[in-house]
Amino acid sequence: MKLARIVTLTLALAFATAATAAAQAPPLPDVDRFGPQVGETVPSFSLADQNGEARDLESLMGPNGLMLVFSRSADW
C-alpha cells in the first residue's frame, strides 16, 4: 500500500514537472521564413568545400546554372 502511494506520487510529480517545462518552452519559429524561398535569388556567398578550398556561387555555376538544395536540419 505504501509502495503504491510512493509510485503514484512520483508519477504525479514527473507529469507535473513535464507539463511545467512544456508550458515554459518558447513558441516554435515560423520555418517558412528561414532561408531563401523557392525561386528567390540567392545572394553571393563564399564557403570552404570539403578540401578546404574557397568556393563562391559563380565558381559552382555551370552552363545551365546551379541548383542549390538547402536542408534546414541535419542531425548527424
PDB file of N, CA and C in Angstrom:
ATOM      1  N   MET A   1       0.828  -1.194   0.000  1.00  0.00           N
ATOM      2  CA  MET A   1       0.000   0.000   0.000  1.00  0.00           C
ATOM      3  C   MET A   1       0.871   1.256   0.000  1.00  0.00           C
ATOM      4  N   LYS A   2       1.897   1.231   0.852  1.00  0.00           N
ATOM      5  CA  LYS A   2       2.777   2.396   0.930  1.00  0.00           C
ATOM      6  C   LYS A   2       3.571   2.552  -0.367  1.00  0.00           C
ATOM      7  N   LEU A   3       3.979   1.430  -0.976  1.00  0.00           N
ATOM      8  CA  LEU A   3       4.726   1.473  -2.229  1.00  0.00           C
ATOM      9  C   LEU A   3       3.861   2.062  -3.350  1.00  0.00           C
ATOM     10  N   ALA A   4       2.604   1.692  -3.404  1.00  0.00           N
ATOM     11  CA  ALA A   4       1.697   2.226  -4.422  1.00  0.00           C
ATOM     12  C   ALA A   4       1.528   3.727  -4.261  1.00  0.00           C
ATOM     13  N   ARG A   5       1.465   4.189  -3.047  1.00  0.00           N
ATOM     14  CA  ARG A   5       1.330   5.625  -2.783  1.00  0.00           C
ATOM     15  C   ARG A   5       2.585   6.375  -3.240  1.00  0.00           C
ATOM     16  N   ILE A   6       3.761   5.809  -2.980  1.00  0.00           N
ATOM     17  CA  ILE A   6       5.026   6.440  -3.387  1.00  0.00           C
ATOM     18  C   ILE A   6       5.126   6.479  -4.912  1.00  0.00           C
ATOM     19  N   VAL A   7       4.771   5.372  -5.566  1.00  0.00           N
ATOM     20  CA  VAL A   7       4.827   5.327  -7.029  1.00  0.00           C
ATOM     21  C   VAL A   7       3.853   6.339  -7.631  1.00  0.00           C
ATOM     22  N   THR A   8       2.655   6.417  -7.098  1.00  0.00           N
ATOM     23  CA  THR A   8       1.658   7.371  -7.589  1.00  0.00           C
ATOM     24  C   THR A   8       2.141   8.804  -7.417  1.00  0.00           C
ATOM     25  N   LEU A   9       2.690   9.106  -6.274  1.00  0.00           N
ATOM     26  CA  LEU A   9       3.210  10.450  -6.015  1.00  0.00           C
ATOM     27  C   LEU A   9       4.373  10.780  -6.944  1.00  0.00           C
ATOM     28  N   THR A  10       5.255   9.819  -7.170  1.00  0.00           N
ATOM     29  CA  THR A  10       6.396  10.033  -8.059  1.00  0.00           C
ATOM     30  C   THR A  10       5.928  10.291  -9.490  1.00  0.00           C
ATOM     31  N   LEU A  11       4.979   9.502  -9.968  1.00  0.00           N
ATOM     32  CA  LEU A  11       4.453   9.710 -11.321  1.00  0.00           C
ATOM     33  C   LEU A  11       3.747  11.056 -11.457  1.00  0.00           C
ATOM     34  N   ALA A  12       2.977  11.428 -10.456  1.00  0.00           N
ATOM     35  CA  ALA A  12       2.290  12.721 -10.489  1.00  0.00           C
ATOM     36  C   ALA A  12       3.296  13.863 -10.533  1.00  0.00           C
ATOM     37  N   LEU A  13       4.350  13.751  -9.754  1.00  0.00           N
ATOM     38  CA  LEU A  13       5.397  14.776  -9.742  1.00  0.00           C
ATOM     39  C   LEU A  13       6.108  14.840 -11.093  1.00  0.00           C
ATOM     40  N   ALA A  14       6.380  13.684 -11.696  1.00  0.00           N
ATOM     41  CA  ALA A  14       7.045  13.653 -13.001  1.00  0.00           C
ATOM     42  C   ALA A  14       6.176  14.304 -14.071  1.00  0.00           C
ATOM     43  N   PHE A  15       4.889  13.986 -14.093  1.00  0.00           N
ATOM     44  CA  PHE A  15       3.986  14.587 -15.078  1.00  0.00           C
ATOM     45  C   PHE A  15       3.835  16.087 -14.853  1.00  0.00           C
ATOM     46  N   ALA A  16       3.790  16.520 -13.616  1.00  0.00           N
ATOM     47  CA  ALA A  16       3.672  17.948 -13.318  1.00  0.00           C
ATOM     48  C   ALA A  16       4.919  18.694 -13.776  1.00  0.00           C
ATOM     49  N   THR A  17       6.082  18.091 -13.565  1.00  0.00           N
ATOM     50  CA  THR A  17       7.338  18.708 -13.995  1.00  0.00           C
ATOM     51  C   THR A  17       7.386  18.811 -15.516  1.00  0.00           C
ATOM     52  N   ALA A  18       6.983  17.751 -16.207  1.00  0.00           N
ATOM     53  CA  ALA A  18       6.982  17.761 -17.674  1.00  0.00           C
ATOM     54  C   ALA A  18       6.000  18.794 -18.215  1.00  0.00           C
ATOM     55  N   ALA A  19       4.845  18.910 -17.600  1.00  0.00           N
ATOM     56  CA  ALA A  19       3.847  19.887 -18.049  1.00  0.00           C
ATOM     57  C   ALA A  19       4.348  21.310 -17.845  1.00  0.00           C
ATOM     58  N   THR A  20       5.025  21.554 -16.741  1.00  0.00           N
ATOM     59  CA  THR A  20       5.576  22.882 -16.470  1.00  0.00           C
ATOM     60  C   THR A  20       6.657  23.225 -17.483  1.00  0.00           C
ATOM     61  N   ALA A  21       7.521  22.264 -17.792  1.00  0.00           N
ATOM     62  CA  ALA A  21       8.585  22.503 -18.771  1.00  0.00           C
ATOM     63  C   ALA A  21       7.999  22.778 -20.150  1.00  0.00           C
ATOM     64  N   ALA A  22       6.969  22.043 -20.531  1.00  0.00           N
ATOM     65  CA  ALA A  22       6.345  22.250 -21.840  1.00  0.00           C
ATOM     66  C   ALA A  22       5.658  23.608 -21.915  1.00  0.00           C
ATOM     67  N   ALA A  23       5.082  24.051 -20.827  1.00  0.00           N
ATOM     68  CA  ALA A  23       4.395  25.343 -20.809  1.00  0.00           C
ATOM     69  C   ALA A  23       5.381  26.500 -20.921  1.00  0.00           C
ATOM     70  N   GLN A  24       6.614  26.292 -20.467  1.00  0.00           N
ATOM     71  CA  GLN A  24       7.612  27.356 -20.488  1.00  0.00           C
ATOM     72  C   GLN A  24       8.450  27.350 -21.759  1.00  0.00           C
ATOM     73  N   ALA A  25       8.251  26.382 -22.645  1.00  0.00           N
ATOM     74  CA  ALA A  25       9.025  26.301 -23.875  1.00  0.00           C
ATOM     75  C   ALA A  25       8.674  27.480 -24.780  1.00  0.00           C
ATOM     76  N   PRO A  26       9.674  28.037 -25.480  1.00  0.00           N
ATOM     77  CA  PRO A  26       9.389  29.153 -26.384  1.00  0.00           C
ATOM     78  C   PRO A  26       8.536  28.673 -27.557  1.00  0.00           C
ATOM     79  N   PRO A  27       7.806  29.571 -28.183  1.00  0.00           N
ATOM     80  CA  PRO A  27       6.978  29.169 -29.328  1.00  0.00           C
ATOM     81  C   PRO A  27       7.859  28.712 -30.491  1.00  0.00           C
ATOM     82  N   LEU A  28       7.333  27.816 -31.294  1.00  0.00           N
ATOM     83  CA  LEU A  28       8.080  27.324 -32.445  1.00  0.00           C
ATOM     84  C   LEU A  28       8.222  28.432 -33.481  1.00  0.00           C
ATOM     85  N   PRO A  29       9.396  28.534 -34.119  1.00  0.00           N
ATOM     86  CA  PRO A  29       9.594  29.578 -35.127  1.00  0.00           C
ATOM     87  C   PRO A  29       8.812  29.263 -36.401  1.00  0.00           C
ATOM     88  N   ASP A  30       8.565  30.292 -37.181  1.00  0.00           N
ATOM     89  CA  ASP A  30       7.892  30.137 -38.467  1.00  0.00           C
ATOM     90  C   ASP A  30       8.936  29.691 -39.489  1.00  0.00           C
ATOM     91  N   VAL A  31       9.005  28.386 -39.762  1.00  0.00           N
ATOM     92  CA  VAL A  31      10.053  27.844 -40.621  1.00  0.00           C
ATOM     93  C   VAL A  31       9.903  28.268 -42.078  1.00  0.00           C
ATOM     94  N   ASP A  32       8.737  28.762 -42.452  1.00  0.00           N
ATOM     95  CA  ASP A  32       8.558  29.223 -43.828  1.00  0.00           C
ATOM     96  C   ASP A  32       9.361  30.482 -44.112  1.00  0.00           C
ATOM     97  N   ARG A  33       9.857  31.129 -43.095  1.00  0.00           N
ATOM     98  CA  ARG A  33      10.618  32.369 -43.278  1.00  0.00           C
ATOM     99  C   ARG A  33      12.125  32.144 -43.209  1.00  0.00           C
ATOM    100  N   PHE A  34      12.576  30.913 -42.971  1.00  0.00           N
ATOM    101  CA  PHE A  34      14.008  30.621 -42.881  1.00  0.00           C
ATOM    102  C   PHE A  34      14.610  30.495 -44.274  1.00  0.00           C
ATOM    103  N   GLY A  35      15.752  31.111 -44.466  1.00  0.00           N
ATOM    104  CA  GLY A  35      16.488  30.941 -45.709  1.00  0.00           C
ATOM    105  C   GLY A  35      15.764  31.475 -46.924  1.00  0.00           C
ATOM    106  N   PRO A  36      16.381  31.285 -48.078  1.00  0.00           N
ATOM    107  CA  PRO A  36      15.755  31.751 -49.313  1.00  0.00           C
ATOM    108  C   PRO A  36      14.532  30.903 -49.651  1.00  0.00           C
ATOM    109  N   GLN A  37      13.566  31.528 -50.270  1.00  0.00           N
ATOM    110  CA  GLN A  37      12.347  30.837 -50.680  1.00  0.00           C
ATOM    111  C   GLN A  37      12.518  30.289 -52.098  1.00  0.00           C
ATOM    112  N   VAL A  38      11.665  29.381 -52.484  1.00  0.00           N
ATOM    113  CA  VAL A  38      11.720  28.776 -53.816  1.00  0.00           C
ATOM    114  C   VAL A  38      11.606  29.872 -54.870  1.00  0.00           C
ATOM    115  N   GLY A  39      12.560  29.871 -55.805  1.00  0.00           N
ATOM    116  CA  GLY A  39      12.555  30.848 -56.888  1.00  0.00           C
ATOM    117  C   GLY A  39      13.247  32.154 -56.557  1.00  0.00           C
ATOM    118  N   GLU A  40      13.621  32.355 -55.324  1.00  0.00           N
ATOM    119  CA  GLU A  40      14.278  33.596 -54.909  1.00  0.00           C
ATOM    120  C   GLU A  40      15.753  33.562 -55.303  1.00  0.00           C
ATOM    121  N   THR A  41      16.312  34.714 -55.655  1.00  0.00           N
ATOM    122  CA  THR A  41      17.727  34.808 -55.994  1.00  0.00           C
ATOM    123  C   THR A  41      18.565  34.707 -54.728  1.00  0.00           C
ATOM    124  N   VAL A  42      19.572  33.848 -54.780  1.00  0.00           N
ATOM    125  CA  VAL A  42      20.444  33.646 -53.623  1.00  0.00           C
ATOM    126  C   VAL A  42      21.548  34.697 -53.650  1.00  0.00           C
ATOM    127  N   PRO A  43      21.827  35.344 -52.524  1.00  0.00           N
ATOM    128  CA  PRO A  43      22.922  36.312 -52.501  1.00  0.00           C
ATOM    129  C   PRO A  43      24.270  35.617 -52.694  1.00  0.00           C
ATOM    130  N   SER A  44      25.230  36.365 -53.190  1.00  0.00           N
ATOM    131  CA  SER A  44      26.564  35.813 -53.401  1.00  0.00           C
ATOM    132  C   SER A  44      27.161  35.363 -52.072  1.00  0.00           C
ATOM    133  N   PHE A  45      27.862  34.239 -52.097  1.00  0.00           N
ATOM    134  CA  PHE A  45      28.482  33.726 -50.877  1.00  0.00           C
ATOM    135  C   PHE A  45      29.794  33.049 -51.220  1.00  0.00           C
ATOM    136  N   SER A  46      30.613  32.812 -50.218  1.00  0.00           N
ATOM    137  CA  SER A  46      31.867  32.093 -50.369  1.00  0.00           C
ATOM    138  C   SER A  46      32.043  31.197 -49.151  1.00  0.00           C
ATOM    139  N   LEU A  47      32.242  29.907 -49.415  1.00  0.00           N
ATOM    140  CA  LEU A  47      32.414  28.925 -48.344  1.00  0.00           C
ATOM    141  C   LEU A  47      33.535  27.966 -48.698  1.00  0.00           C
ATOM    142  N   ALA A  48      34.079  27.307 -47.688  1.00  0.00           N
ATOM    143  CA  ALA A  48      35.117  26.298 -47.918  1.00  0.00           C
ATOM    144  C   ALA A  48      34.454  24.966 -48.243  1.00  0.00           C
ATOM    145  N   ASP A  49      35.011  24.258 -49.250  1.00  0.00           N
ATOM    146  CA  ASP A  49      34.474  22.939 -49.572  1.00  0.00           C
ATOM    147  C   ASP A  49      35.122  21.880 -48.686  1.00  0.00           C
ATOM    148  N   GLN A  50      34.869  20.594 -48.991  1.00  0.00           N
ATOM    149  CA  GLN A  50      35.383  19.515 -48.163  1.00  0.00           C
ATOM    150  C   GLN A  50      36.903  19.420 -48.184  1.00  0.00           C
ATOM    151  N   ASN A  51      37.556  20.057 -49.180  1.00  0.00           N
ATOM    152  CA  ASN A  51      39.015  20.067 -49.261  1.00  0.00           C
ATOM    153  C   ASN A  51      39.622  21.348 -48.707  1.00  0.00           C
ATOM    154  N   GLY A  52      38.800  22.224 -48.197  1.00  0.00           N
ATOM    155  CA  GLY A  52      39.280  23.473 -47.629  1.00  0.00           C
ATOM    156  C   GLY A  52      39.450  24.589 -48.643  1.00  0.00           C
ATOM    157  N   GLU A  53      39.119  24.341 -49.905  1.00  0.00           N
ATOM    158  CA  GLU A  53      39.243  25.365 -50.940  1.00  0.00           C
ATOM    159  C   GLU A  53      38.011  26.269 -50.929  1.00  0.00           C
ATOM    160  N   ALA A  54      38.250  27.554 -51.110  1.00  0.00           N
ATOM    161  CA  ALA A  54      37.147  28.520 -51.115  1.00  0.00           C
ATOM    162  C   ALA A  54      36.346  28.379 -52.404  1.00  0.00           C
ATOM    163  N   ARG A  55      35.044  28.314 -52.274  1.00  0.00           N
ATOM    164  CA  ARG A  55      34.132  28.249 -53.419  1.00  0.00           C
ATOM    165  C   ARG A  55      33.120  29.368 -53.282  1.00  0.00           C
ATOM    166  N   ASP A  56      32.846  30.027 -54.406  1.00  0.00           N
ATOM    167  CA  ASP A  56      31.793  31.036 -54.391  1.00  0.00           C
ATOM    168  C   ASP A  56      30.705  30.615 -55.376  1.00  0.00           C
ATOM    169  N   LEU A  57      29.638  31.342 -55.383  1.00  0.00           N
ATOM    170  CA  LEU A  57      28.480  30.979 -56.193  1.00  0.00           C
ATOM    171  C   LEU A  57      28.839  30.888 -57.674  1.00  0.00           C
ATOM    172  N   GLU A  58      29.612  31.829 -58.159  1.00  0.00           N
ATOM    173  CA  GLU A  58      29.966  31.857 -59.577  1.00  0.00           C
ATOM    174  C   GLU A  58      30.834  30.663 -59.969  1.00  0.00           C
ATOM    175  N   SER A  59      31.732  30.212 -59.080  1.00  0.00           N
ATOM    176  CA  SER A  59      32.605  29.087 -59.420  1.00  0.00           C
ATOM    177  C   SER A  59      31.852  27.757 -59.438  1.00  0.00           C
ATOM    178  N   LEU A  60      30.695  27.708 -58.828  1.00  0.00           N
ATOM    179  CA  LEU A  60      29.900  26.482 -58.796  1.00  0.00           C
ATOM    180  C   LEU A  60      28.918  26.382 -59.958  1.00  0.00           C
ATOM    181  N   MET A  61      28.612  27.520 -60.587  1.00  0.00           N
ATOM    182  CA  MET A  61      27.626  27.518 -61.668  1.00  0.00           C
ATOM    183  C   MET A  61      28.197  26.893 -62.928  1.00  0.00           C
ATOM    184  N   GLY A  62      27.360  26.099 -63.585  1.00  0.00           N
ATOM    185  CA  GLY A  62      27.710  25.508 -64.869  1.00  0.00           C
ATOM    186  C   GLY A  62      27.008  26.252 -65.988  1.00  0.00           C
ATOM    187  N   PRO A  63      27.040  25.710 -67.200  1.00  0.00           N
ATOM    188  CA  PRO A  63      26.409  26.386 -68.335  1.00  0.00           C
ATOM    189  C   PRO A  63      24.888  26.502 -68.195  1.00  0.00           C
ATOM    190  N   ASN A  64      24.282  25.632 -67.412  1.00  0.00           N
ATOM    191  CA  ASN A  64      22.827  25.678 -67.211  1.00  0.00           C
ATOM    192  C   ASN A  64      22.445  26.271 -65.868  1.00  0.00           C
ATOM    193  N   GLY A  65      23.380  26.867 -65.186  1.00  0.00           N
ATOM    194  CA  GLY A  65      23.094  27.459 -63.880  1.00  0.00           C
ATOM    195  C   GLY A  65      23.487  26.525 -62.746  1.00  0.00           C
ATOM    196  N   LEU A  66      22.798  26.633 -61.649  1.00  0.00           N
ATOM    197  CA  LEU A  66      23.128  25.872 -60.446  1.00  0.00           C
ATOM    198  C   LEU A  66      21.851  25.574 -59.679  1.00  0.00           C
ATOM    199  N   MET A  67      21.760  24.384 -59.161  1.00  0.00           N
ATOM    200  CA  MET A  67      20.628  24.035 -58.301  1.00  0.00           C
ATOM    201  C   MET A  67      21.155  23.840 -56.887  1.00  0.00           C
ATOM    202  N   LEU A  68      20.677  24.670 -55.976  1.00  0.00           N
ATOM    203  CA  LEU A  68      21.053  24.555 -54.570  1.00  0.00           C
ATOM    204  C   LEU A  68      19.910  23.917 -53.801  1.00  0.00           C
ATOM    205  N   VAL A  69      20.249  23.011 -52.907  1.00  0.00           N
ATOM    206  CA  VAL A  69      19.252  22.394 -52.043  1.00  0.00           C
ATOM    207  C   VAL A  69      19.643  22.719 -50.614  1.00  0.00           C
ATOM    208  N   PHE A  70      18.768  23.406 -49.901  1.00  0.00           N
ATOM    209  CA  PHE A  70      19.013  23.755 -48.511  1.00  0.00           C
ATOM    210  C   PHE A  70      18.259  22.785 -47.619  1.00  0.00           C
ATOM    211  N   SER A  71      18.958  22.234 -46.662  1.00  0.00           N
ATOM    212  CA  SER A  71      18.327  21.352 -45.681  1.00  0.00           C
ATOM    213  C   SER A  71      18.332  22.080 -44.355  1.00  0.00           C
ATOM    214  N   ARG A  72      17.160  22.285 -43.776  1.00  0.00           N
ATOM    215  CA  ARG A  72      17.096  23.052 -42.538  1.00  0.00           C
ATOM    216  C   ARG A  72      17.488  22.237 -41.329  1.00  0.00           C
ATOM    217  N   SER A  73      17.674  20.927 -41.493  1.00  0.00           N
ATOM    218  CA  SER A  73      18.043  20.095 -40.365  1.00  0.00           C
ATOM    219  C   SER A  73      18.909  18.949 -40.841  1.00  0.00           C
ATOM    220  N   ALA A  74      20.048  18.814 -40.220  1.00  0.00           N
ATOM    221  CA  ALA A  74      20.934  17.686 -40.491  1.00  0.00           C
ATOM    222  C   ALA A  74      21.489  17.227 -39.152  1.00  0.00           C
ATOM    223  N   ASP A  75      20.896  16.207 -38.598  1.00  0.00           N
ATOM    224  CA  ASP A  75      21.299  15.700 -37.290  1.00  0.00           C
ATOM    225  C   ASP A  75      22.212  14.505 -37.484  1.00  0.00           C
ATOM    226  N   TRP A  76      23.515  14.750 -37.455  1.00  0.00           N
ATOM    227  CA  TRP A  76      24.476  13.681 -37.649  1.00  0.00           C
ATOM    228  C   TRP A  76      24.961  13.225 -36.322  1.00  0.00           C
TER     229      TRP A  76
END
